[in-house]
Protein backbone atom coordinates (compact mmCIF):
# COMPACT_ATOMS: atom_id res chain seq x y z
CA MET A 1 6.84 -13.59 -2.36
CA ASN A 2 7.92 -10.27 -0.82
CA GLU A 3 9.46 -9.13 -4.12
CA ARG A 4 5.98 -9.30 -5.64
CA ARG A 5 4.60 -7.44 -2.64
CA ILE A 6 7.22 -4.73 -2.97
CA GLU A 7 6.39 -4.31 -6.65
CA THR A 8 2.67 -4.06 -5.87
CA ILE A 9 3.33 -1.51 -3.12
CA ARG A 10 5.53 0.44 -5.55
CA GLU A 11 2.86 0.44 -8.28
CA ARG A 12 0.11 1.64 -5.95
CA LEU A 13 2.18 4.43 -4.42
CA LEU A 14 3.47 5.57 -7.82
CA ASP A 15 -0.06 5.67 -9.25
CA ALA A 16 -1.61 7.50 -6.32
CA LEU A 17 1.11 9.91 -5.25
CA GLU A 18 3.41 10.41 -8.25
CA PRO A 19 6.41 10.66 -5.91
CA GLU A 20 9.72 12.27 -6.71
CA LEU A 21 11.35 9.66 -4.49
CA LEU A 22 10.06 6.27 -3.43
CA GLU A 23 12.08 3.79 -1.40
CA ILE A 24 10.64 0.52 -0.09
CA GLU A 25 12.52 -1.76 2.28
CA ASP A 26 11.46 -5.24 3.30
CA GLU A 27 12.12 -5.55 7.03
CA SER A 28 10.29 -8.84 7.46
CA HIS A 29 13.50 -10.69 8.32
CA LEU A 30 13.85 -8.49 11.42
CA HIS A 31 10.56 -9.82 12.73
CA ALA A 32 10.99 -13.57 12.29
CA GLY A 33 9.31 -15.31 15.19
CA HIS A 34 7.26 -12.21 16.01
CA ALA A 35 3.59 -13.00 16.60
CA GLY A 36 2.54 -10.70 13.77
CA ALA A 37 4.85 -12.45 11.31
CA ARG A 38 3.08 -15.79 11.65
CA ASP A 39 0.26 -14.80 9.30
CA GLY A 40 2.70 -14.47 6.40
CA ARG A 41 2.23 -10.74 5.90
CA GLY A 42 5.34 -8.56 5.67
CA HIS A 43 6.96 -5.71 7.54
CA PHE A 44 7.96 -2.81 5.32
CA ARG A 45 9.49 0.67 5.53
CA VAL A 46 8.59 3.30 2.93
CA THR A 47 10.10 6.69 2.28
CA VAL A 48 7.98 8.85 -0.01
CA VAL A 49 8.62 12.38 -1.28
CA SER A 50 5.58 13.77 -3.08
CA HIS A 51 3.93 17.08 -3.90
CA ALA A 52 0.73 15.44 -2.65
CA PHE A 53 2.05 15.96 0.89
CA GLY A 54 2.53 19.73 0.57
CA GLY A 55 0.75 21.48 3.43
CA ALA A 56 -0.56 18.16 4.79
CA SER A 57 -0.12 17.08 8.40
CA ARG A 58 1.79 13.94 9.25
CA ILE A 59 -1.46 12.09 9.88
CA ALA A 60 -2.92 13.24 6.55
CA ARG A 61 0.22 12.06 4.75
CA HIS A 62 -0.04 8.64 6.37
CA ARG A 63 -3.70 8.44 5.44
CA LEU A 64 -2.86 9.13 1.80
CA ILE A 65 -0.38 6.27 1.84
CA TYR A 66 -2.82 3.89 3.54
CA GLU A 67 -5.53 4.84 1.03
CA ALA A 68 -3.14 4.16 -1.85
CA LEU A 69 -2.25 0.75 -0.43
CA GLY A 70 -5.89 -0.15 0.19
CA THR A 71 -6.49 -3.81 0.91
CA LEU A 72 -2.76 -4.62 0.94
CA MET A 73 -2.85 -3.53 4.58
CA GLU A 74 -5.23 -6.43 5.25
CA THR A 75 -3.71 -9.05 2.96
CA ASP A 76 0.02 -8.43 2.49
CA ILE A 77 1.32 -5.87 4.99
CA HIS A 78 1.43 -6.54 8.72
CA ALA A 79 3.50 -3.48 9.67
CA LEU A 80 4.46 -0.34 7.80
CA THR A 81 6.95 2.31 8.86
CA ILE A 82 6.30 5.54 6.97
CA GLN A 83 8.51 8.52 6.23
CA ALA A 84 6.50 10.99 4.13
CA PHE A 85 7.87 14.32 2.95
CA ALA A 86 6.94 17.10 0.59
CA PRO A 87 9.73 18.13 -1.82
CA GLY A 88 12.32 20.30 -0.08
CA GLU A 89 11.67 18.84 3.38
CA ILE A 90 14.58 16.42 3.37
């Protein structure tokens, strides 16, 4: 199930942000038994390097990612750890 989720997350972020680098990790196994894990949604970590983040604040970068993911935040993702960089920042 989470492999499909990862692929959907990947597609949405690629389409919206055209990143130079995109890494997605499923951390759901680290949260087994956690109250938020009971609803079946996953815990993920994303690292995104995109020109879309140039000059944007950390909050603005996170908003761009949340906008790209849309309803996945309500249906498939319980928790999301974000690392968002413009090219040259890492």
